[in-house]
């Protein structure tokens, strides 16, 4: 019986084809965790595509949480398995209010633990990423700002020294970034919430869990108001 044409079928873009090939390399351990991806020129030659296609493919892998791009250090494999898609599916159906409520529940719990468990190395990491975030805000660079903000909050999560909380945050943030990341980053950049983030860091330095929780809630409340306006 002949197969009927599917009018809804859309062929994969070149970027999707490249990302799927690279994804296969990572999931099948042809590229290992800690290993760098080939340079852009090498990927362009391998797949016979342009630079913009390679960059789009790399962005897909970043969003999947498989690789990390660091300026001056190249692109490195950080994971060799795909995240659970349950959270992504849930967030696709979630409202801004629901997401903000979830963020409050997760991030206040994280910052409470961080105030008790953080060490000097953790504080250095948080301070470093906050400084990058401030610089990106002054330059109005959305991509740099979004990445630095993500790194700052990730450093707070890691400072819990609780693997369950760290992984919970990573799973949530990965799915959140795909669904709401740019929308929230634009809102936050427009409000320039550096003072709030400095207050969060100060509270963590002082191990003042009550203040840290308060400023996390203020940060998310302001974001919710801005996004909804």
N, C-alpha and C. Protein backbone atom coordinates (compact mmCIF):
# COMPACT_ATOMS: atom_id res chain seq x y z
N UNK A 1 0.85 -1.19 0.00
CA UNK A 1 0.00 0.00 0.00
C UNK A 1 0.88 1.23 0.00
N UNK A 2 0.70 2.14 -0.93
CA UNK A 2 1.57 3.31 -1.01
C UNK A 2 1.41 4.22 0.21
N UNK A 3 2.53 4.84 0.58
CA UNK A 3 2.50 5.77 1.71
C UNK A 3 2.00 7.11 1.23
N UNK A 4 1.00 7.64 1.92
CA UNK A 4 0.45 8.93 1.54
C UNK A 4 1.38 10.05 1.98
N UNK A 5 1.42 11.08 1.17
CA UNK A 5 2.23 12.23 1.53
C UNK A 5 1.68 12.87 2.79
N UNK A 6 2.55 13.20 3.70
CA UNK A 6 2.15 13.90 4.91
C UNK A 6 2.40 15.38 4.71
N UNK A 7 1.32 16.13 4.55
CA UNK A 7 1.47 17.55 4.26
C UNK A 7 2.06 18.32 5.45
N UNK A 8 1.99 17.71 6.65
CA UNK A 8 2.52 18.38 7.83
C UNK A 8 4.00 18.08 8.05
N UNK A 9 4.54 17.19 7.24
CA UNK A 9 5.95 16.82 7.41
C UNK A 9 6.85 17.98 7.01
N UNK A 10 7.80 18.27 7.87
CA UNK A 10 8.78 19.31 7.57
C UNK A 10 10.17 18.71 7.66
N UNK A 11 10.95 18.83 6.59
CA UNK A 11 12.31 18.27 6.63
C UNK A 11 13.15 18.99 7.68
N UNK A 12 14.11 18.28 8.22
CA UNK A 12 15.00 18.88 9.21
C UNK A 12 15.84 19.97 8.57
N UNK A 13 16.04 21.04 9.30
CA UNK A 13 16.93 22.10 8.83
C UNK A 13 18.36 21.59 8.89
N UNK A 14 19.27 22.29 8.22
CA UNK A 14 20.68 21.91 8.26
C UNK A 14 21.21 21.94 9.69
N UNK A 15 20.79 22.96 10.44
CA UNK A 15 21.25 23.08 11.82
C UNK A 15 20.79 21.89 12.66
N UNK A 16 19.54 21.46 12.45
CA UNK A 16 19.02 20.31 13.19
C UNK A 16 19.77 19.03 12.80
N UNK A 17 20.09 18.90 11.52
CA UNK A 17 20.84 17.73 11.08
C UNK A 17 22.22 17.69 11.72
N UNK A 18 22.88 18.84 11.76
CA UNK A 18 24.21 18.91 12.38
C UNK A 18 24.13 18.62 13.87
N UNK A 19 23.14 19.23 14.54
CA UNK A 19 23.01 19.03 15.99
C UNK A 19 22.71 17.57 16.31
N UNK A 20 21.92 16.91 15.47
CA UNK A 20 21.61 15.50 15.72
C UNK A 20 22.85 14.62 15.55
N UNK A 21 23.68 14.95 14.57
CA UNK A 21 24.93 14.19 14.38
C UNK A 21 25.86 14.37 15.57
N UNK A 22 26.00 15.60 16.04
CA UNK A 22 26.86 15.87 17.19
C UNK A 22 26.27 15.26 18.46
N UNK A 23 24.95 15.32 18.57
CA UNK A 23 24.29 14.71 19.72
C UNK A 23 24.57 13.21 19.75
N UNK A 24 24.52 12.57 18.59
CA UNK A 24 24.82 11.15 18.49
C UNK A 24 26.26 10.87 18.90
N UNK A 25 27.19 11.74 18.50
CA UNK A 25 28.59 11.58 18.88
C UNK A 25 28.75 11.60 20.40
N UNK A 26 27.99 12.50 21.05
CA UNK A 26 28.11 12.65 22.50
C UNK A 26 27.44 11.49 23.23
N UNK A 27 26.21 11.15 22.82
CA UNK A 27 25.46 10.10 23.51
C UNK A 27 26.10 8.73 23.33
N UNK A 28 26.82 8.55 22.22
CA UNK A 28 27.49 7.28 21.96
C UNK A 28 28.97 7.32 22.33
N UNK A 29 29.35 8.37 23.06
CA UNK A 29 30.68 8.49 23.66
C UNK A 29 31.82 8.59 22.63
N UNK A 30 31.47 9.03 21.43
CA UNK A 30 32.55 9.35 20.48
C UNK A 30 33.18 10.69 20.87
N UNK A 31 32.40 11.48 21.60
CA UNK A 31 32.91 12.68 22.26
C UNK A 31 32.63 12.51 23.74
N UNK A 32 33.66 12.58 24.57
CA UNK A 32 33.52 12.29 25.99
C UNK A 32 33.35 13.56 26.81
N UNK A 33 32.84 13.40 28.03
CA UNK A 33 32.71 14.52 28.94
C UNK A 33 34.09 15.13 29.20
N UNK A 34 34.16 16.44 29.10
CA UNK A 34 35.43 17.14 29.27
C UNK A 34 36.17 17.38 27.97
N UNK A 35 35.74 16.69 26.92
CA UNK A 35 36.39 16.85 25.62
C UNK A 35 35.81 18.05 24.88
N UNK A 36 36.65 18.73 24.15
CA UNK A 36 36.18 19.89 23.39
C UNK A 36 35.63 19.48 22.04
N UNK A 37 34.59 20.20 21.62
CA UNK A 37 34.09 20.00 20.27
C UNK A 37 35.13 20.51 19.28
N UNK A 38 35.14 19.97 18.07
CA UNK A 38 36.02 20.53 17.04
C UNK A 38 35.71 22.02 16.83
N UNK A 39 36.66 22.74 16.32
CA UNK A 39 36.48 24.17 16.08
C UNK A 39 35.41 24.40 15.00
N UNK A 40 34.91 25.62 14.95
CA UNK A 40 33.89 25.95 13.95
C UNK A 40 34.35 25.63 12.53
N UNK A 41 35.57 26.02 12.12
CA UNK A 41 36.01 25.70 10.75
C UNK A 41 36.00 24.19 10.48
N UNK A 42 36.40 23.39 11.47
CA UNK A 42 36.41 21.94 11.27
C UNK A 42 34.99 21.38 11.14
N UNK A 43 34.07 21.91 11.95
CA UNK A 43 32.68 21.47 11.85
C UNK A 43 32.06 21.91 10.52
N UNK A 44 32.41 23.11 10.09
CA UNK A 44 31.92 23.60 8.79
C UNK A 44 32.39 22.69 7.66
N UNK A 45 33.65 22.27 7.74
CA UNK A 45 34.20 21.40 6.71
C UNK A 45 33.59 20.00 6.78
N UNK A 46 33.42 19.49 7.99
CA UNK A 46 32.87 18.13 8.16
C UNK A 46 31.46 18.03 7.60
N UNK A 47 30.63 19.03 7.89
CA UNK A 47 29.22 18.96 7.50
C UNK A 47 28.91 19.76 6.23
N UNK A 48 29.93 20.44 5.72
CA UNK A 48 29.76 21.23 4.50
C UNK A 48 28.64 22.27 4.66
N UNK A 49 28.72 23.01 5.76
CA UNK A 49 27.72 24.04 6.06
C UNK A 49 28.43 25.34 6.44
N UNK A 50 27.66 26.40 6.56
CA UNK A 50 28.21 27.69 6.92
C UNK A 50 28.36 27.88 8.42
N UNK A 51 29.00 28.97 8.80
CA UNK A 51 29.27 29.26 10.21
C UNK A 51 27.97 29.43 11.00
N UNK A 52 26.99 30.12 10.42
CA UNK A 52 25.74 30.37 11.15
C UNK A 52 25.01 29.07 11.46
N UNK A 53 25.09 28.10 10.54
CA UNK A 53 24.45 26.80 10.76
C UNK A 53 25.12 26.06 11.91
N UNK A 54 26.45 26.10 11.94
CA UNK A 54 27.19 25.45 13.03
C UNK A 54 26.82 26.09 14.37
N UNK A 55 26.76 27.40 14.41
CA UNK A 55 26.46 28.09 15.66
C UNK A 55 25.04 27.79 16.14
N UNK A 56 24.12 27.68 15.20
CA UNK A 56 22.74 27.34 15.56
C UNK A 56 22.67 25.92 16.11
N UNK A 57 23.43 25.01 15.50
CA UNK A 57 23.46 23.61 15.97
C UNK A 57 24.06 23.53 17.36
N UNK A 58 25.12 24.29 17.59
CA UNK A 58 25.76 24.30 18.91
C UNK A 58 24.80 24.83 19.97
N UNK A 59 24.02 25.85 19.60
CA UNK A 59 23.05 26.41 20.55
C UNK A 59 22.02 25.37 20.96
N UNK A 60 21.62 24.52 20.03
CA UNK A 60 20.67 23.44 20.35
C UNK A 60 21.26 22.52 21.41
N UNK A 61 22.54 22.16 21.24
CA UNK A 61 23.20 21.26 22.19
C UNK A 61 23.39 21.92 23.55
N UNK A 62 23.63 23.23 23.55
CA UNK A 62 23.72 23.97 24.81
C UNK A 62 22.38 23.91 25.54
N UNK A 63 21.30 24.13 24.80
CA UNK A 63 19.96 24.11 25.40
C UNK A 63 19.58 22.72 25.91
N UNK A 64 20.17 21.69 25.31
CA UNK A 64 19.92 20.32 25.77
C UNK A 64 20.77 19.97 26.99
N UNK A 65 21.69 20.87 27.35
CA UNK A 65 22.54 20.64 28.50
C UNK A 65 23.68 19.67 28.24
N UNK A 66 24.02 19.46 26.96
CA UNK A 66 25.08 18.51 26.62
C UNK A 66 26.45 19.17 26.54
N UNK A 67 26.49 20.44 26.18
CA UNK A 67 27.77 21.13 26.04
C UNK A 67 27.70 22.50 26.71
N UNK A 68 28.88 23.07 26.91
CA UNK A 68 28.98 24.39 27.52
C UNK A 68 29.96 25.22 26.70
N UNK A 69 29.59 26.45 26.41
CA UNK A 69 30.45 27.35 25.65
C UNK A 69 31.03 28.39 26.60
N UNK A 70 32.35 28.46 26.65
CA UNK A 70 33.02 29.46 27.47
C UNK A 70 33.98 30.25 26.60
N UNK A 71 33.84 31.57 26.68
CA UNK A 71 34.67 32.44 25.87
C UNK A 71 36.14 32.23 26.20
N UNK A 72 36.92 31.99 25.17
CA UNK A 72 38.36 31.78 25.36
C UNK A 72 38.74 30.35 25.68
N UNK A 73 37.73 29.51 25.97
CA UNK A 73 38.02 28.12 26.34
C UNK A 73 37.41 27.12 25.37
N UNK A 74 36.61 27.61 24.44
CA UNK A 74 35.99 26.71 23.48
C UNK A 74 34.71 26.09 23.99
N UNK A 75 34.27 25.05 23.30
CA UNK A 75 33.01 24.38 23.60
C UNK A 75 33.31 22.98 24.12
N UNK A 76 32.81 22.69 25.32
CA UNK A 76 33.18 21.45 26.01
C UNK A 76 31.95 20.60 26.30
N UNK A 77 32.10 19.29 26.16
CA UNK A 77 31.03 18.36 26.51
C UNK A 77 30.92 18.28 28.03
N UNK A 78 29.72 18.49 28.57
CA UNK A 78 29.53 18.46 30.02
C UNK A 78 28.55 17.38 30.46
N UNK A 79 27.89 16.73 29.49
CA UNK A 79 26.92 15.70 29.84
C UNK A 79 26.81 14.72 28.69
N UNK A 80 26.64 13.44 28.99
CA UNK A 80 26.52 12.45 27.91
C UNK A 80 25.18 11.72 27.94
N UNK A 81 24.19 12.37 28.55
CA UNK A 81 22.83 11.82 28.54
C UNK A 81 21.85 12.98 28.50
N UNK A 82 20.69 12.74 27.91
CA UNK A 82 19.68 13.78 27.79
C UNK A 82 18.90 13.90 29.09
N UNK A 83 18.48 15.11 29.44
CA UNK A 83 17.71 15.28 30.68
C UNK A 83 16.33 14.68 30.57
N UNK A 84 15.73 14.41 31.73
CA UNK A 84 14.35 13.94 31.78
C UNK A 84 13.45 15.00 31.16
N UNK A 85 12.61 14.59 30.23
CA UNK A 85 11.77 15.54 29.52
C UNK A 85 10.48 15.89 30.27
N UNK A 86 10.24 15.25 31.43
CA UNK A 86 9.00 15.50 32.17
C UNK A 86 8.88 16.97 32.56
N UNK A 87 9.97 17.54 33.07
CA UNK A 87 9.94 18.93 33.49
C UNK A 87 9.71 19.85 32.30
N UNK A 88 10.36 19.57 31.18
CA UNK A 88 10.19 20.41 29.99
C UNK A 88 8.74 20.39 29.52
N UNK A 89 8.15 19.20 29.51
CA UNK A 89 6.75 19.07 29.09
C UNK A 89 5.82 19.84 30.01
N UNK A 90 6.09 19.77 31.31
CA UNK A 90 5.26 20.47 32.29
C UNK A 90 5.35 21.98 32.11
N UNK A 91 6.57 22.48 31.94
CA UNK A 91 6.75 23.93 31.83
C UNK A 91 6.17 24.50 30.54
N UNK A 92 6.07 23.67 29.51
CA UNK A 92 5.46 24.14 28.27
C UNK A 92 4.00 24.52 28.49
N UNK A 93 3.36 23.90 29.48
CA UNK A 93 1.94 24.14 29.75
C UNK A 93 1.74 25.12 30.91
N UNK A 94 2.83 25.52 31.56
CA UNK A 94 2.72 26.32 32.78
C UNK A 94 2.55 27.80 32.47
N UNK A 95 1.86 28.49 33.37
CA UNK A 95 1.72 29.94 33.26
C UNK A 95 2.90 30.62 33.95
N UNK A 96 3.04 31.91 33.73
CA UNK A 96 4.11 32.67 34.38
C UNK A 96 3.96 32.61 35.90
N UNK A 97 2.72 32.72 36.38
CA UNK A 97 2.47 32.67 37.83
C UNK A 97 2.92 31.33 38.40
N UNK A 98 2.56 30.24 37.73
CA UNK A 98 2.94 28.91 38.21
C UNK A 98 4.45 28.74 38.24
N UNK A 99 5.11 29.23 37.20
CA UNK A 99 6.57 29.12 37.14
C UNK A 99 7.22 29.93 38.25
N UNK A 100 6.72 31.12 38.50
CA UNK A 100 7.29 31.96 39.56
C UNK A 100 7.07 31.33 40.93
N UNK A 101 5.91 30.73 41.14
CA UNK A 101 5.66 30.04 42.40
C UNK A 101 6.63 28.88 42.59
N UNK A 102 6.87 28.15 41.51
CA UNK A 102 7.82 27.03 41.57
C UNK A 102 9.23 27.53 41.84
N UNK A 103 9.61 28.61 41.17
CA UNK A 103 10.95 29.17 41.39
C UNK A 103 11.14 29.59 42.84
N UNK A 104 10.11 30.22 43.41
CA UNK A 104 10.21 30.63 44.81
C UNK A 104 10.42 29.42 45.72
N UNK A 105 9.63 28.38 45.50
CA UNK A 105 9.73 27.19 46.34
C UNK A 105 11.12 26.56 46.25
N UNK A 106 11.64 26.48 45.02
CA UNK A 106 12.94 25.83 44.81
C UNK A 106 14.08 26.73 45.28
N UNK A 107 14.07 27.99 44.86
CA UNK A 107 15.22 28.86 45.11
C UNK A 107 15.31 29.32 46.56
N UNK A 108 14.17 29.48 47.24
CA UNK A 108 14.25 29.85 48.66
C UNK A 108 14.80 28.69 49.48
N UNK A 109 14.41 27.47 49.12
CA UNK A 109 14.96 26.30 49.80
C UNK A 109 16.45 26.17 49.57
N UNK A 110 16.86 26.46 48.35
CA UNK A 110 18.28 26.39 48.01
C UNK A 110 19.09 27.43 48.78
N UNK A 111 18.62 28.68 48.76
CA UNK A 111 19.41 29.74 49.39
C UNK A 111 19.45 29.56 50.91
N UNK A 112 18.41 28.97 51.48
CA UNK A 112 18.41 28.68 52.92
C UNK A 112 19.54 27.70 53.25
N UNK A 113 19.64 26.63 52.47
CA UNK A 113 20.71 25.65 52.69
C UNK A 113 22.09 26.26 52.43
N UNK A 114 22.16 27.09 51.39
CA UNK A 114 23.44 27.71 51.04
C UNK A 114 23.97 28.57 52.17
N UNK A 115 23.09 29.30 52.84
CA UNK A 115 23.53 30.14 53.96
C UNK A 115 24.19 29.31 55.06
N UNK A 116 23.76 28.08 55.20
CA UNK A 116 24.31 27.21 56.25
C UNK A 116 25.53 26.42 55.77
N UNK A 117 25.58 26.11 54.47
CA UNK A 117 26.60 25.16 53.99
C UNK A 117 27.71 25.77 53.14
N UNK A 118 27.58 27.01 52.73
CA UNK A 118 28.55 27.60 51.81
C UNK A 118 29.92 27.73 52.46
N UNK A 119 30.95 27.77 51.60
CA UNK A 119 32.31 27.98 52.09
C UNK A 119 32.95 29.14 51.33
N UNK A 120 34.20 29.42 51.61
CA UNK A 120 34.88 30.57 51.00
C UNK A 120 34.99 30.43 49.49
N UNK A 121 35.23 29.22 49.02
CA UNK A 121 35.32 28.99 47.56
C UNK A 121 34.00 29.27 46.88
N UNK A 122 32.91 28.88 47.52
CA UNK A 122 31.57 29.15 46.98
C UNK A 122 31.34 30.66 46.85
N UNK A 123 31.74 31.40 47.88
CA UNK A 123 31.55 32.86 47.86
C UNK A 123 32.34 33.50 46.73
N UNK A 124 33.55 33.00 46.49
CA UNK A 124 34.37 33.54 45.40
C UNK A 124 33.68 33.32 44.05
N UNK A 125 33.11 32.14 43.87
CA UNK A 125 32.42 31.83 42.61
C UNK A 125 31.20 32.74 42.42
N UNK A 126 30.41 32.90 43.47
CA UNK A 126 29.22 33.76 43.38
C UNK A 126 29.61 35.21 43.09
N UNK A 127 30.65 35.68 43.77
CA UNK A 127 31.12 37.06 43.57
C UNK A 127 31.61 37.25 42.14
N UNK A 128 32.34 36.28 41.64
CA UNK A 128 32.89 36.35 40.28
C UNK A 128 31.76 36.46 39.25
N UNK A 129 30.77 35.59 39.35
CA UNK A 129 29.69 35.60 38.36
C UNK A 129 28.80 36.83 38.50
N UNK A 130 28.66 37.33 39.72
CA UNK A 130 27.88 38.55 39.90
C UNK A 130 28.58 39.74 39.24
N UNK A 131 29.90 39.79 39.34
CA UNK A 131 30.65 40.87 38.69
C UNK A 131 30.50 40.81 37.17
N UNK A 132 30.54 39.61 36.61
CA UNK A 132 30.34 39.46 35.16
C UNK A 132 28.93 39.89 34.78
N UNK A 133 27.98 39.54 35.63
CA UNK A 133 26.58 39.91 35.39
C UNK A 133 26.42 41.43 35.38
N UNK A 134 27.06 42.10 36.32
CA UNK A 134 26.99 43.56 36.40
C UNK A 134 27.59 44.19 35.13
N UNK A 135 28.73 43.67 34.70
CA UNK A 135 29.39 44.20 33.50
C UNK A 135 28.52 44.00 32.26
N UNK A 136 27.89 42.82 32.15
CA UNK A 136 27.02 42.54 31.00
C UNK A 136 25.80 43.45 31.01
N UNK A 137 25.29 43.75 32.20
CA UNK A 137 24.13 44.64 32.31
C UNK A 137 24.48 46.04 31.82
N UNK A 138 25.68 46.51 32.15
CA UNK A 138 26.11 47.84 31.71
C UNK A 138 26.25 47.90 30.20
N UNK A 139 26.66 46.78 29.60
CA UNK A 139 26.83 46.72 28.14
C UNK A 139 25.51 46.42 27.43
N UNK A 140 24.48 46.10 28.21
CA UNK A 140 23.16 45.72 27.65
C UNK A 140 23.29 44.52 26.72
N UNK A 141 24.17 43.60 27.09
CA UNK A 141 24.40 42.39 26.29
C UNK A 141 23.52 41.27 26.84
N UNK A 142 22.42 40.98 26.14
CA UNK A 142 21.43 40.03 26.66
C UNK A 142 22.02 38.63 26.83
N UNK A 143 22.75 38.13 25.82
CA UNK A 143 23.30 36.77 25.90
C UNK A 143 24.28 36.64 27.05
N UNK A 144 25.19 37.61 27.17
CA UNK A 144 26.19 37.57 28.24
C UNK A 144 25.52 37.71 29.60
N UNK A 145 24.53 38.58 29.66
CA UNK A 145 23.80 38.81 30.91
C UNK A 145 23.06 37.55 31.34
N UNK A 146 22.38 36.93 30.39
CA UNK A 146 21.61 35.72 30.68
C UNK A 146 22.53 34.60 31.16
N UNK A 147 23.67 34.46 30.50
CA UNK A 147 24.61 33.39 30.88
C UNK A 147 25.20 33.65 32.26
N UNK A 148 25.59 34.90 32.54
CA UNK A 148 26.18 35.23 33.84
C UNK A 148 25.16 35.06 34.96
N UNK A 149 23.92 35.45 34.70
CA UNK A 149 22.86 35.30 35.70
C UNK A 149 22.64 33.82 36.01
N UNK A 150 22.63 33.01 34.96
CA UNK A 150 22.48 31.56 35.14
C UNK A 150 23.63 31.00 35.98
N UNK A 151 24.85 31.44 35.70
CA UNK A 151 26.02 30.95 36.43
C UNK A 151 25.98 31.38 37.90
N UNK A 152 25.51 32.60 38.15
CA UNK A 152 25.40 33.09 39.52
C UNK A 152 24.45 32.24 40.34
N UNK A 153 23.26 31.99 39.79
CA UNK A 153 22.27 31.20 40.52
C UNK A 153 22.69 29.73 40.62
N UNK A 154 23.39 29.25 39.61
CA UNK A 154 23.90 27.88 39.66
C UNK A 154 24.95 27.75 40.77
N UNK A 155 25.78 28.79 40.93
CA UNK A 155 26.79 28.79 42.00
C UNK A 155 26.12 28.75 43.37
N UNK A 156 25.00 29.46 43.50
CA UNK A 156 24.25 29.42 44.76
C UNK A 156 23.74 28.00 45.02
N UNK A 157 23.22 27.36 43.98
CA UNK A 157 22.71 25.99 44.14
C UNK A 157 23.82 25.01 44.51
N UNK A 158 24.96 25.14 43.86
CA UNK A 158 26.09 24.24 44.15
C UNK A 158 26.59 24.44 45.58
N UNK A 159 26.44 25.65 46.10
CA UNK A 159 26.92 25.96 47.45
C UNK A 159 26.07 25.31 48.54
N UNK A 160 24.95 24.69 48.16
CA UNK A 160 24.20 23.91 49.15
C UNK A 160 24.98 22.67 49.56
N UNK A 161 25.86 22.21 48.65
CA UNK A 161 26.60 20.96 48.84
C UNK A 161 25.63 19.81 49.09
N UNK A 162 24.50 19.90 48.40
CA UNK A 162 23.45 18.88 48.48
C UNK A 162 23.15 18.45 47.05
N UNK A 163 23.53 17.23 46.71
CA UNK A 163 23.42 16.76 45.33
C UNK A 163 21.98 16.76 44.83
N UNK A 164 21.04 16.42 45.70
CA UNK A 164 19.63 16.38 45.30
C UNK A 164 19.16 17.78 44.91
N UNK A 165 19.47 18.77 45.74
CA UNK A 165 19.05 20.14 45.46
C UNK A 165 19.75 20.69 44.22
N UNK A 166 21.03 20.38 44.08
CA UNK A 166 21.79 20.86 42.93
C UNK A 166 21.21 20.31 41.63
N UNK A 167 20.92 19.01 41.61
CA UNK A 167 20.36 18.39 40.41
C UNK A 167 18.92 18.84 40.15
N UNK A 168 18.16 19.02 41.23
CA UNK A 168 16.79 19.52 41.08
C UNK A 168 16.80 20.89 40.41
N UNK A 169 17.69 21.75 40.89
CA UNK A 169 17.79 23.09 40.31
C UNK A 169 18.24 23.02 38.85
N UNK A 170 19.23 22.17 38.56
CA UNK A 170 19.75 22.06 37.20
C UNK A 170 18.66 21.60 36.24
N UNK A 171 17.87 20.60 36.65
CA UNK A 171 16.79 20.10 35.79
C UNK A 171 15.73 21.17 35.56
N UNK A 172 15.35 21.84 36.65
CA UNK A 172 14.34 22.89 36.53
C UNK A 172 14.84 24.03 35.66
N UNK A 173 16.07 24.48 35.90
CA UNK A 173 16.59 25.64 35.18
C UNK A 173 16.76 25.34 33.69
N UNK A 174 17.18 24.12 33.38
CA UNK A 174 17.33 23.75 31.97
C UNK A 174 16.00 23.89 31.24
N UNK A 175 14.94 23.36 31.82
CA UNK A 175 13.62 23.42 31.19
C UNK A 175 13.07 24.84 31.21
N UNK A 176 13.31 25.55 32.31
CA UNK A 176 12.86 26.94 32.42
C UNK A 176 13.50 27.81 31.34
N UNK A 177 14.79 27.60 31.12
CA UNK A 177 15.52 28.40 30.14
C UNK A 177 14.96 28.20 28.73
N UNK A 178 14.61 26.97 28.41
CA UNK A 178 14.06 26.69 27.08
C UNK A 178 12.71 27.37 26.88
N UNK A 179 11.89 27.40 27.93
CA UNK A 179 10.52 27.92 27.82
C UNK A 179 10.44 29.43 28.09
N UNK A 180 11.15 29.90 29.11
CA UNK A 180 10.97 31.28 29.56
C UNK A 180 12.27 32.09 29.63
N UNK A 181 13.41 31.45 29.39
CA UNK A 181 14.70 32.08 29.66
C UNK A 181 14.87 33.47 29.09
N UNK A 182 14.69 33.61 27.78
CA UNK A 182 14.92 34.91 27.14
C UNK A 182 13.90 35.94 27.61
N UNK A 183 12.65 35.51 27.78
CA UNK A 183 11.59 36.42 28.22
C UNK A 183 11.92 37.00 29.59
N UNK A 184 12.35 36.16 30.52
CA UNK A 184 12.67 36.62 31.86
C UNK A 184 13.96 37.43 31.87
N UNK A 185 14.93 37.03 31.06
CA UNK A 185 16.20 37.76 31.01
C UNK A 185 15.99 39.19 30.51
N UNK A 186 15.14 39.35 29.50
CA UNK A 186 14.84 40.70 28.99
C UNK A 186 14.15 41.54 30.06
N UNK A 187 13.23 40.90 30.79
CA UNK A 187 12.52 41.62 31.85
C UNK A 187 13.49 42.04 32.95
N UNK A 188 14.38 41.14 33.32
CA UNK A 188 15.33 41.44 34.39
C UNK A 188 16.33 42.50 33.96
N UNK A 189 16.77 42.42 32.71
CA UNK A 189 17.73 43.40 32.20
C UNK A 189 17.09 44.78 32.15
N UNK A 190 15.81 44.84 31.82
CA UNK A 190 15.11 46.13 31.74
C UNK A 190 14.97 46.76 33.12
N UNK A 191 14.86 45.92 34.15
CA UNK A 191 14.71 46.43 35.52
C UNK A 191 16.06 46.66 36.20
N UNK A 192 17.09 45.99 35.70
CA UNK A 192 18.43 46.06 36.27
C UNK A 192 18.39 45.78 37.78
N UNK A 193 18.33 44.49 38.09
CA UNK A 193 18.14 44.06 39.47
C UNK A 193 19.45 43.75 40.21
N UNK A 194 20.52 44.44 39.82
CA UNK A 194 21.80 44.22 40.47
C UNK A 194 21.75 44.45 41.98
N UNK A 195 21.10 45.53 42.47
CA UNK A 195 21.05 45.72 43.93
C UNK A 195 20.44 44.53 44.67
N UNK A 196 19.39 43.95 44.10
CA UNK A 196 18.77 42.79 44.75
C UNK A 196 19.74 41.63 44.80
N UNK A 197 20.46 41.39 43.71
CA UNK A 197 21.40 40.28 43.67
C UNK A 197 22.58 40.51 44.62
N UNK A 198 22.99 41.76 44.75
CA UNK A 198 24.04 42.07 45.72
C UNK A 198 23.55 41.80 47.14
N UNK A 199 22.29 42.10 47.39
CA UNK A 199 21.71 41.83 48.71
C UNK A 199 21.62 40.33 48.98
N UNK A 200 21.32 39.56 47.94
CA UNK A 200 21.30 38.10 48.09
C UNK A 200 22.68 37.60 48.50
N UNK A 201 23.70 38.08 47.79
CA UNK A 201 25.07 37.65 48.08
C UNK A 201 25.50 38.08 49.47
N UNK A 202 25.17 39.30 49.85
CA UNK A 202 25.53 39.79 51.19
C UNK A 202 24.90 38.93 52.28
N UNK A 203 23.64 38.58 52.09
CA UNK A 203 22.95 37.74 53.08
C UNK A 203 23.60 36.37 53.18
N UNK A 204 24.02 35.82 52.04
CA UNK A 204 24.70 34.52 52.05
C UNK A 204 26.05 34.64 52.77
N UNK A 205 26.77 35.72 52.49
CA UNK A 205 28.06 35.95 53.17
C UNK A 205 27.87 36.00 54.68
N UNK A 206 26.79 36.64 55.12
CA UNK A 206 26.52 36.81 56.55
C UNK A 206 25.79 35.61 57.15
N UNK A 207 25.51 34.61 56.31
CA UNK A 207 24.75 33.42 56.72
C UNK A 207 23.38 33.81 57.30
N UNK A 208 22.81 34.86 56.73
CA UNK A 208 21.50 35.34 57.18
C UNK A 208 20.43 34.75 56.27
N UNK A 209 19.96 33.56 56.62
CA UNK A 209 19.02 32.84 55.77
C UNK A 209 17.71 33.59 55.58
N UNK A 210 17.24 34.25 56.62
CA UNK A 210 15.97 34.98 56.53
C UNK A 210 16.05 36.09 55.49
N UNK A 211 17.14 36.85 55.51
CA UNK A 211 17.32 37.92 54.53
C UNK A 211 17.53 37.37 53.12
N UNK A 212 18.28 36.30 53.01
CA UNK A 212 18.53 35.70 51.70
C UNK A 212 17.22 35.23 51.05
N UNK A 213 16.39 34.58 51.84
CA UNK A 213 15.08 34.13 51.35
C UNK A 213 14.23 35.33 50.95
N UNK A 214 14.26 36.37 51.76
CA UNK A 214 13.48 37.59 51.46
C UNK A 214 13.88 38.18 50.12
N UNK A 215 15.19 38.29 49.85
CA UNK A 215 15.64 38.93 48.61
C UNK A 215 15.42 38.03 47.39
N UNK A 216 15.49 36.73 47.58
CA UNK A 216 15.14 35.81 46.48
C UNK A 216 13.67 36.02 46.10
N UNK A 217 12.81 36.12 47.10
CA UNK A 217 11.38 36.33 46.83
C UNK A 217 11.14 37.68 46.15
N UNK A 218 11.85 38.71 46.61
CA UNK A 218 11.70 40.03 45.99
C UNK A 218 12.13 40.01 44.53
N UNK A 219 13.21 39.31 44.25
CA UNK A 219 13.71 39.20 42.89
C UNK A 219 12.66 38.56 41.97
N UNK A 220 12.08 37.46 42.42
CA UNK A 220 11.10 36.76 41.59
C UNK A 220 9.79 37.54 41.50
N UNK A 221 9.39 38.20 42.58
CA UNK A 221 8.17 39.02 42.54
C UNK A 221 8.29 40.14 41.51
N UNK A 222 9.44 40.80 41.49
CA UNK A 222 9.65 41.89 40.53
C UNK A 222 9.65 41.37 39.10
N UNK A 223 10.28 40.21 38.90
CA UNK A 223 10.28 39.60 37.57
C UNK A 223 8.87 39.28 37.11
N UNK A 224 8.09 38.71 38.01
CA UNK A 224 6.71 38.33 37.67
C UNK A 224 5.90 39.57 37.26
N UNK A 225 6.05 40.65 38.01
CA UNK A 225 5.33 41.88 37.69
C UNK A 225 5.75 42.43 36.33
N UNK A 226 7.05 42.40 36.06
CA UNK A 226 7.57 42.95 34.80
C UNK A 226 7.11 42.13 33.61
N UNK A 227 7.19 40.80 33.73
CA UNK A 227 6.79 39.92 32.63
C UNK A 227 5.30 40.04 32.34
N UNK A 228 4.50 40.21 33.39
CA UNK A 228 3.05 40.28 33.21
C UNK A 228 2.56 41.63 32.70
N UNK A 229 3.41 42.66 32.79
CA UNK A 229 3.01 44.00 32.33
C UNK A 229 3.18 44.15 30.82
